[in-house]
Amino acid sequence: MKVEVWSDFVCPFCYIGKRRLEHAVENFSAKEKVMIEYRSYELDPNAKHNPEQNIHEMLAGKYNMSVEKAKSMNNDLGKQAAEVGLTYNFDAMQHTNTFDAHRLTKYAETHGLGNEMTERLLDAYFTDSKLISDHATLVELAKEVGMDEKEVTDMLKADDFAKNVRAEEEQARQIGVQGVPFFVFNEKYAVSGAQPPEVFSEVLEKVWEEENDKPVLQSLNPKKSETTYCTDDGCESID
């Protein structure tokens, strides 16, 4: 079963949704059959690389609210994160551009480390308060998950994997993604938002049941008609 997840590294609900999905998968009877793949999505493609405001000030300006209101909202988000075992350090977060972080994740996938890189970047932003647009920071994070320092440095200096990121963002537009996190199960069922684990569990069960249902053929022969057919014993007509 394939689960595709469109998300961004600076999206607080994306990390929460990730954990909730993981909790549902962990309790799923066929968890070893579930393959999770993360897709690129930028909430703010025009975000600056070097933040000029703290996260509270940025949100206050974006949503036309007071800084105190923004702090209150972030505090509530932090409580939701804590419920799934995450620590959000809003006071020290450095909101930034995530394009290079997405490029790095696409590169990590070629080494079989895409999911590990995704997790480390989310943790780096929300918990460790790292600037995940900074190339030196990205290289260090990549090294932590087992990637080669020089190879990652060279990749980031070039324009490598930019097309991969843009292709996934375009795919998101084509399938109607308007916000993240956005989960697609077997390219058939979609779940938007950081839903409770029980919602993910229900979807997993439904998709798994459909995957493993053996087709049952229904006869469309008229109830009263003569038919001719052949078996290993010969051919005959019956009423």
C-alpha atoms as a PDB file:
ATOM      1  CA  MET A   1       0.000   0.000   0.000  1.00  0.00           C
ATOM      2  CA  LYS A   2       1.438   3.347  -1.017  1.00  0.00           C
ATOM      3  CA  VAL A   3       0.790   6.490   1.006  1.00  0.00           C
ATOM      4  CA  GLU A   4       1.953   9.769  -0.523  1.00  0.00           C
ATOM      5  CA  VAL A   5       2.229  12.770   1.776  1.00  0.00           C
ATOM      6  CA  TRP A   6       2.483  16.340   0.499  1.00  0.00           C
ATOM      7  CA  SER A   7       3.988  18.500   3.223  1.00  0.00           C
ATOM      8  CA  ASP A   8       6.348  21.358   4.028  1.00  0.00           C
ATOM      9  CA  PHE A   9       9.073  21.515   6.652  1.00  0.00           C
ATOM     10  CA  VAL A  10       7.764  24.727   8.232  1.00  0.00           C
ATOM     11  CA  CYS A  11       4.169  23.484   8.501  1.00  0.00           C
ATOM     12  CA  PRO A  12       3.364  22.671  12.156  1.00  0.00           C
ATOM     13  CA  PHE A  13       0.413  20.478  11.273  1.00  0.00           C
ATOM     14  CA  CYS A  14       2.542  18.501   8.808  1.00  0.00           C
ATOM     15  CA  TYR A  15       4.771  17.201  11.592  1.00  0.00           C
ATOM     16  CA  ILE A  16       1.767  16.481  13.805  1.00  0.00           C
ATOM     17  CA  GLY A  17      -0.016  14.756  10.928  1.00  0.00           C
ATOM     18  CA  LYS A  18       3.097  12.715  10.206  1.00  0.00           C
ATOM     19  CA  ARG A  19       3.155  11.407  13.753  1.00  0.00           C
ATOM     20  CA  ARG A  20      -0.545  10.643  13.768  1.00  0.00           C
ATOM     21  CA  LEU A  21      -0.227   8.672  10.536  1.00  0.00           C
ATOM     22  CA  GLU A  22       2.768   6.809  11.927  1.00  0.00           C
ATOM     23  CA  HIS A  23       0.834   5.915  15.072  1.00  0.00           C
ATOM     24  CA  ALA A  24      -2.005   4.546  12.945  1.00  0.00           C
ATOM     25  CA  VAL A  25       0.398   2.535  10.804  1.00  0.00           C
ATOM     26  CA  GLU A  26       2.154   1.138  13.881  1.00  0.00           C
ATOM     27  CA  ASN A  27      -1.179  -0.302  15.081  1.00  0.00           C
ATOM     28  CA  PHE A  28      -2.174  -1.533  11.625  1.00  0.00           C
ATOM     29  CA  SER A  29      -2.216  -5.321  11.194  1.00  0.00           C
ATOM     30  CA  ALA A  30      -0.377  -5.137   7.854  1.00  0.00           C
ATOM     31  CA  LYS A  31       2.015  -2.312   8.757  1.00  0.00           C
ATOM     32  CA  GLU A  32       4.912  -3.991   6.950  1.00  0.00           C
ATOM     33  CA  LYS A  33       2.980  -3.549   3.697  1.00  0.00           C
ATOM     34  CA  VAL A  34       2.632   0.230   4.038  1.00  0.00           C
ATOM     35  CA  MET A  35       5.096   2.385   2.087  1.00  0.00           C
ATOM     36  CA  ILE A  36       5.094   6.103   2.929  1.00  0.00           C
ATOM     37  CA  GLU A  37       6.548   8.577   0.436  1.00  0.00           C
ATOM     38  CA  TYR A  38       6.894  12.309   1.069  1.00  0.00           C
ATOM     39  CA  ARG A  39       6.171  14.865  -1.662  1.00  0.00           C
ATOM     40  CA  SER A  40       7.331  18.466  -1.941  1.00  0.00           C
ATOM     41  CA  TYR A  41       5.086  21.423  -1.190  1.00  0.00           C
ATOM     42  CA  GLU A  42       6.088  25.000  -0.328  1.00  0.00           C
ATOM     43  CA  LEU A  43       3.655  26.962   1.800  1.00  0.00           C
ATOM     44  CA  ASP A  44       5.553  30.169   1.092  1.00  0.00           C
ATOM     45  CA  PRO A  45       7.737  29.882  -2.048  1.00  0.00           C
ATOM     46  CA  ASN A  46       8.700  33.556  -1.667  1.00  0.00           C
ATOM     47  CA  ALA A  47       9.919  33.238   1.915  1.00  0.00           C
ATOM     48  CA  LYS A  48      13.305  34.823   2.561  1.00  0.00           C
ATOM     49  CA  HIS A  49      16.288  32.678   3.426  1.00  0.00           C
ATOM     50  CA  ASN A  50      17.286  34.840   6.374  1.00  0.00           C
ATOM     51  CA  PRO A  51      14.350  35.569   8.691  1.00  0.00           C
ATOM     52  CA  GLU A  52      13.857  39.190   9.694  1.00  0.00           C
ATOM     53  CA  GLN A  53      11.080  38.466  12.211  1.00  0.00           C
ATOM     54  CA  ASN A  54      10.455  35.811  14.810  1.00  0.00           C
ATOM     55  CA  ILE A  55       7.693  33.306  14.152  1.00  0.00           C
ATOM     56  CA  HIS A  56       5.161  35.174  16.296  1.00  0.00           C
ATOM     57  CA  GLU A  57       5.735  38.460  14.482  1.00  0.00           C
ATOM     58  CA  MET A  58       5.627  36.755  11.095  1.00  0.00           C
ATOM     59  CA  LEU A  59       2.275  35.112  11.796  1.00  0.00           C
ATOM     60  CA  ALA A  60       0.843  38.301  13.298  1.00  0.00           C
ATOM     61  CA  GLY A  61       1.669  40.209  10.125  1.00  0.00           C
ATOM     62  CA  LYS A  62       0.503  37.459   7.811  1.00  0.00           C
ATOM     63  CA  TYR A  63      -2.901  37.038   9.452  1.00  0.00           C
ATOM     64  CA  ASN A  64      -3.372  40.636  10.618  1.00  0.00           C
ATOM     65  CA  MET A  65      -3.492  39.823  14.316  1.00  0.00           C
ATOM     66  CA  SER A  66      -1.640  40.922  17.420  1.00  0.00           C
ATOM     67  CA  VAL A  67       1.641  39.308  18.399  1.00  0.00           C
ATOM     68  CA  GLU A  68      -0.021  38.207  21.639  1.00  0.00           C
ATOM     69  CA  LYS A  69      -2.740  36.413  19.669  1.00  0.00           C
ATOM     70  CA  ALA A  70      -0.112  34.730  17.502  1.00  0.00           C
ATOM     71  CA  LYS A  71       1.730  33.559  20.610  1.00  0.00           C
ATOM     72  CA  SER A  72      -1.498  32.134  22.010  1.00  0.00           C
ATOM     73  CA  MET A  73      -2.183  30.232  18.778  1.00  0.00           C
ATOM     74  CA  ASN A  74       1.347  28.869  18.748  1.00  0.00           C
ATOM     75  CA  ASN A  75       1.016  27.810  22.354  1.00  0.00           C
ATOM     76  CA  ASP A  76      -2.093  25.801  21.443  1.00  0.00           C
ATOM     77  CA  LEU A  77      -0.221  24.227  18.535  1.00  0.00           C
ATOM     78  CA  GLY A  78       2.599  23.310  20.866  1.00  0.00           C
ATOM     79  CA  LYS A  79       0.156  21.460  23.099  1.00  0.00           C
ATOM     80  CA  GLN A  80      -1.151  19.458  20.126  1.00  0.00           C
ATOM     81  CA  ALA A  81       2.411  18.611  19.173  1.00  0.00           C
ATOM     82  CA  ALA A  82       3.185  17.468  22.711  1.00  0.00           C
ATOM     83  CA  GLU A  83       0.239  15.074  22.589  1.00  0.00           C
ATOM     84  CA  VAL A  84       2.058  13.078  19.887  1.00  0.00           C
ATOM     85  CA  GLY A  85       5.463  13.341  21.533  1.00  0.00           C
ATOM     86  CA  LEU A  86       6.834  16.383  19.710  1.00  0.00           C
ATOM     87  CA  THR A  87       8.467  19.493  21.134  1.00  0.00           C
ATOM     88  CA  TYR A  88       7.887  22.791  19.323  1.00  0.00           C
ATOM     89  CA  ASN A  89      10.203  25.655  20.278  1.00  0.00           C
ATOM     90  CA  PHE A  90       8.288  28.548  18.736  1.00  0.00           C
ATOM     91  CA  ASP A  91      10.290  31.289  20.440  1.00  0.00           C
ATOM     92  CA  ALA A  92      13.475  30.209  18.657  1.00  0.00           C
ATOM     93  CA  MET A  93      12.082  28.985  15.306  1.00  0.00           C
ATOM     94  CA  GLN A  94      13.597  30.498  12.188  1.00  0.00           C
ATOM     95  CA  HIS A  95      10.940  30.684   9.486  1.00  0.00           C
ATOM     96  CA  THR A  96      12.661  30.430   6.134  1.00  0.00           C
ATOM     97  CA  ASN A  97      12.556  29.298   2.518  1.00  0.00           C
ATOM     98  CA  THR A  98      12.307  25.499   2.177  1.00  0.00           C
ATOM     99  CA  PHE A  99      13.109  24.921  -1.492  1.00  0.00           C
ATOM    100  CA  ASP A 100      16.671  23.679  -0.913  1.00  0.00           C
ATOM    101  CA  ALA A 101      15.487  21.481   1.948  1.00  0.00           C
ATOM    102  CA  HIS A 102      13.048  19.847  -0.462  1.00  0.00           C
ATOM    103  CA  ARG A 103      15.823  19.429  -3.030  1.00  0.00           C
ATOM    104  CA  LEU A 104      17.932  17.734  -0.391  1.00  0.00           C
ATOM    105  CA  THR A 105      15.121  15.335   0.454  1.00  0.00           C
ATOM    106  CA  LYS A 106      14.666  14.386  -3.195  1.00  0.00           C
ATOM    107  CA  TYR A 107      18.412  13.706  -3.374  1.00  0.00           C
ATOM    108  CA  ALA A 108      18.244  11.665  -0.169  1.00  0.00           C
ATOM    109  CA  GLU A 109      15.575   9.481  -1.766  1.00  0.00           C
ATOM    110  CA  THR A 110      18.115   8.340  -4.356  1.00  0.00           C
ATOM    111  CA  HIS A 111      20.127   6.942  -1.448  1.00  0.00           C
ATOM    112  CA  GLY A 112      17.108   5.323   0.211  1.00  0.00           C
ATOM    113  CA  LEU A 113      17.106   7.969   2.945  1.00  0.00           C
ATOM    114  CA  GLY A 114      14.196  10.178   1.936  1.00  0.00           C
ATOM    115  CA  ASN A 115      12.033   9.444   4.964  1.00  0.00           C
ATOM    116  CA  GLU A 116      14.967   9.783   7.360  1.00  0.00           C
ATOM    117  CA  MET A 117      15.882  13.144   5.837  1.00  0.00           C
ATOM    118  CA  THR A 118      12.278  14.334   6.082  1.00  0.00           C
ATOM    119  CA  GLU A 119      12.107  13.463   9.765  1.00  0.00           C
ATOM    120  CA  ARG A 120      15.442  15.108  10.537  1.00  0.00           C
ATOM    121  CA  LEU A 121      14.504  18.340   8.756  1.00  0.00           C
ATOM    122  CA  LEU A 122      11.199  18.605  10.598  1.00  0.00           C
ATOM    123  CA  ASP A 123      12.893  17.985  13.918  1.00  0.00           C
ATOM    124  CA  ALA A 124      15.640  20.464  13.046  1.00  0.00           C
ATOM    125  CA  TYR A 125      13.138  23.212  12.324  1.00  0.00           C
ATOM    126  CA  PHE A 126      10.547  22.696  15.046  1.00  0.00           C
ATOM    127  CA  THR A 127      12.649  21.349  17.904  1.00  0.00           C
ATOM    128  CA  ASP A 128      16.267  22.346  17.285  1.00  0.00           C
ATOM    129  CA  SER A 129      15.442  25.789  15.837  1.00  0.00           C
ATOM    130  CA  LYS A 130      17.915  25.397  12.964  1.00  0.00           C
ATOM    131  CA  LEU A 131      17.913  27.557   9.837  1.00  0.00           C
ATOM    132  CA  ILE A 132      17.028  24.890   7.276  1.00  0.00           C
ATOM    133  CA  SER A 133      17.697  27.117   4.270  1.00  0.00           C
ATOM    134  CA  ASP A 134      21.377  27.433   5.214  1.00  0.00           C
ATOM    135  CA  HIS A 135      23.515  25.085   3.105  1.00  0.00           C
ATOM    136  CA  ALA A 136      26.020  24.375   5.870  1.00  0.00           C
ATOM    137  CA  THR A 137      23.135  23.381   8.152  1.00  0.00           C
ATOM    138  CA  LEU A 138      21.614  21.158   5.469  1.00  0.00           C
ATOM    139  CA  VAL A 139      24.945  19.423   4.912  1.00  0.00           C
ATOM    140  CA  GLU A 140      25.292  18.698   8.632  1.00  0.00           C
ATOM    141  CA  LEU A 141      21.764  17.321   8.814  1.00  0.00           C
ATOM    142  CA  ALA A 142      22.404  15.144   5.772  1.00  0.00           C
ATOM    143  CA  LYS A 143      25.568  13.772   7.374  1.00  0.00           C
ATOM    144  CA  GLU A 144      23.538  12.851  10.465  1.00  0.00           C
ATOM    145  CA  VAL A 145      21.330  10.530   8.412  1.00  0.00           C
ATOM    146  CA  GLY A 146      24.293   8.921   6.668  1.00  0.00           C
ATOM    147  CA  MET A 147      24.935  10.964   3.535  1.00  0.00           C
ATOM    148  CA  ASP A 148      28.284  12.061   2.124  1.00  0.00           C
ATOM    149  CA  GLU A 149      29.316  15.621   2.995  1.00  0.00           C
ATOM    150  CA  LYS A 150      30.998  16.462  -0.308  1.00  0.00           C
ATOM    151  CA  GLU A 151      28.268  14.956  -2.460  1.00  0.00           C
ATOM    152  CA  VAL A 152      25.576  16.889  -0.606  1.00  0.00           C
ATOM    153  CA  THR A 153      27.598  20.100  -0.784  1.00  0.00           C
ATOM    154  CA  ASP A 154      28.042  19.734  -4.541  1.00  0.00           C
ATOM    155  CA  MET A 155      24.368  18.945  -5.027  1.00  0.00           C
ATOM    156  CA  LEU A 156      23.234  22.024  -3.127  1.00  0.00           C
ATOM    157  CA  LYS A 157      25.620  24.302  -5.038  1.00  0.00           C
ATOM    158  CA  ALA A 158      24.142  23.122  -8.325  1.00  0.00           C
ATOM    159  CA  ASP A 159      20.512  23.179  -9.401  1.00  0.00           C
ATOM    160  CA  ASP A 160      20.138  19.444  -8.921  1.00  0.00           C
ATOM    161  CA  PHE A 161      16.698  18.043  -8.084  1.00  0.00           C
ATOM    162  CA  ALA A 162      14.963  21.381  -8.576  1.00  0.00           C
ATOM    163  CA  LYS A 163      12.905  19.797 -11.366  1.00  0.00           C
ATOM    164  CA  ASN A 164      11.880  16.988  -9.031  1.00  0.00           C
ATOM    165  CA  VAL A 165      10.556  19.464  -6.484  1.00  0.00           C
ATOM    166  CA  ARG A 166       8.711  21.490  -9.122  1.00  0.00           C
ATOM    167  CA  ALA A 167       7.199  18.339 -10.622  1.00  0.00           C
ATOM    168  CA  GLU A 168       5.741  17.277  -7.276  1.00  0.00           C
ATOM    169  CA  GLU A 169       4.398  20.756  -6.650  1.00  0.00           C
ATOM    170  CA  GLU A 170       2.753  20.693 -10.058  1.00  0.00           C
ATOM    171  CA  GLN A 171       1.289  17.287  -9.319  1.00  0.00           C
ATOM    172  CA  ALA A 172      -0.180  18.732  -6.141  1.00  0.00           C
ATOM    173  CA  ARG A 173      -1.886  21.459  -8.163  1.00  0.00           C
ATOM    174  CA  GLN A 174      -3.242  18.939 -10.635  1.00  0.00           C
ATOM    175  CA  ILE A 175      -4.860  16.769  -7.982  1.00  0.00           C
ATOM    176  CA  GLY A 176      -6.298  19.760  -6.161  1.00  0.00           C
ATOM    177  CA  VAL A 177      -4.085  20.072  -3.098  1.00  0.00           C
ATOM    178  CA  GLN A 178      -4.933  23.394  -1.467  1.00  0.00           C
ATOM    179  CA  GLY A 179      -3.149  22.912   1.821  1.00  0.00           C
ATOM    180  CA  VAL A 180      -0.893  20.520   3.673  1.00  0.00           C
ATOM    181  CA  PRO A 181      -0.539  17.958   5.033  1.00  0.00           C
ATOM    182  CA  PHE A 182      -2.317  16.072   2.269  1.00  0.00           C
ATOM    183  CA  PHE A 183      -2.339  12.277   2.195  1.00  0.00           C
ATOM    184  CA  VAL A 184      -3.103  10.097  -0.821  1.00  0.00           C
ATOM    185  CA  PHE A 185      -3.622   6.359  -0.377  1.00  0.00           C
ATOM    186  CA  ASN A 186      -2.962   4.125  -3.393  1.00  0.00           C
ATOM    187  CA  GLU A 187      -3.608   7.078  -5.704  1.00  0.00           C
ATOM    188  CA  LYS A 188      -7.301   6.668  -4.924  1.00  0.00           C
ATOM    189  CA  TYR A 189      -8.260   8.053  -1.514  1.00  0.00           C
ATOM    190  CA  ALA A 190      -7.290  11.462  -0.155  1.00  0.00           C
ATOM    191  CA  VAL A 191      -7.196  12.731   3.413  1.00  0.00           C
ATOM    192  CA  SER A 192      -6.471  16.399   4.060  1.00  0.00           C
ATOM    193  CA  GLY A 193      -5.172  17.830   7.294  1.00  0.00           C
ATOM    194  CA  ALA A 194      -3.622  16.366  10.435  1.00  0.00           C
ATOM    195  CA  GLN A 195      -6.507  14.015  11.143  1.00  0.00           C
ATOM    196  CA  PRO A 196      -6.731  11.943  14.339  1.00  0.00           C
ATOM    197  CA  PRO A 197      -5.014   8.518  14.176  1.00  0.00           C
ATOM    198  CA  GLU A 198      -8.382   6.748  14.093  1.00  0.00           C
ATOM    199  CA  VAL A 199      -9.213   8.440  10.786  1.00  0.00           C
ATOM    200  CA  PHE A 200      -5.977   7.188   9.272  1.00  0.00           C
ATOM    201  CA  SER A 201      -6.681   3.751  10.725  1.00  0.00           C
ATOM    202  CA  GLU A 202     -10.072   3.624   9.031  1.00  0.00           C
ATOM    203  CA  VAL A 203      -8.570   4.570   5.681  1.00  0.00           C
ATOM    204  CA  LEU A 204      -5.775   2.015   6.026  1.00  0.00           C
ATOM    205  CA  GLU A 205      -8.298  -0.719   6.746  1.00  0.00           C
ATOM    206  CA  LYS A 206     -10.514   0.289   3.835  1.00  0.00           C
ATOM    207  CA  VAL A 207      -7.665   0.410   1.337  1.00  0.00           C
ATOM    208  CA  TRP A 208      -6.201  -2.847   2.601  1.00  0.00           C
ATOM    209  CA  GLU A 209      -9.573  -4.564   2.318  1.00  0.00           C
ATOM    210  CA  GLU A 210      -9.959  -3.403  -1.263  1.00  0.00           C
ATOM    211  CA  GLU A 211      -6.428  -4.468  -2.125  1.00  0.00           C
ATOM    212  CA  ASN A 212      -7.050  -7.984  -0.869  1.00  0.00           C
ATOM    213  CA  ASP A 213     -10.627  -8.578  -1.963  1.00  0.00           C
ATOM    214  CA  LYS A 214     -10.850 -11.387  -4.492  1.00  0.00           C
ATOM    215  CA  PRO A 215     -13.176 -10.427  -7.336  1.00  0.00           C
ATOM    216  CA  VAL A 216     -16.474 -12.288  -7.326  1.00  0.00           C
ATOM    217  CA  LEU A 217     -18.026 -12.670 -10.753  1.00  0.00           C
ATOM    218  CA  GLN A 218     -21.766 -12.250 -11.080  1.00  0.00           C
ATOM    219  CA  SER A 219     -23.582 -14.163 -13.795  1.00  0.00           C
ATOM    220  CA  LEU A 220     -25.495 -11.981 -16.231  1.00  0.00           C
ATOM    221  CA  ASN A 221     -27.142 -14.877 -18.051  1.00  0.00           C
ATOM    222  CA  PRO A 222     -30.924 -14.548 -18.331  1.00  0.00           C
ATOM    223  CA  LYS A 223     -32.680 -16.742 -15.781  1.00  0.00           C
ATOM    224  CA  LYS A 224     -34.494 -18.727 -18.473  1.00  0.00           C
ATOM    225  CA  SER A 225     -32.355 -19.330 -21.523  1.00  0.00           C
ATOM    226  CA  GLU A 226     -30.528 -22.066 -23.342  1.00  0.00           C
ATOM    227  CA  THR A 227     -26.771 -21.911 -23.180  1.00  0.00           C
ATOM    228  CA  THR A 228     -23.970 -23.896 -24.715  1.00  0.00           C
ATOM    229  CA  TYR A 229     -20.593 -24.362 -23.150  1.00  0.00           C
ATOM    230  CA  CYS A 230     -17.636 -26.741 -23.072  1.00  0.00           C
ATOM    231  CA  THR A 231     -15.783 -28.444 -20.255  1.00  0.00           C
ATOM    232  CA  ASP A 232     -13.041 -31.065 -20.177  1.00  0.00           C
ATOM    233  CA  ASP A 233     -15.752 -33.665 -20.605  1.00  0.00           C
ATOM    234  CA  GLY A 234     -17.191 -32.197 -23.783  1.00  0.00           C
ATOM    235  CA  CYS A 235     -19.687 -29.606 -25.023  1.00  0.00           C
ATOM    236  CA  GLU A 236     -23.399 -29.504 -24.392  1.00  0.00           C
ATOM    237  CA  SER A 237     -26.481 -27.355 -24.342  1.00  0.00           C
ATOM    238  CA  ILE A 238     -28.572 -26.912 -21.217  1.00  0.00           C
ATOM    239  CA  ASP A 239     -31.750 -25.050 -20.365  1.00  0.00           C
END
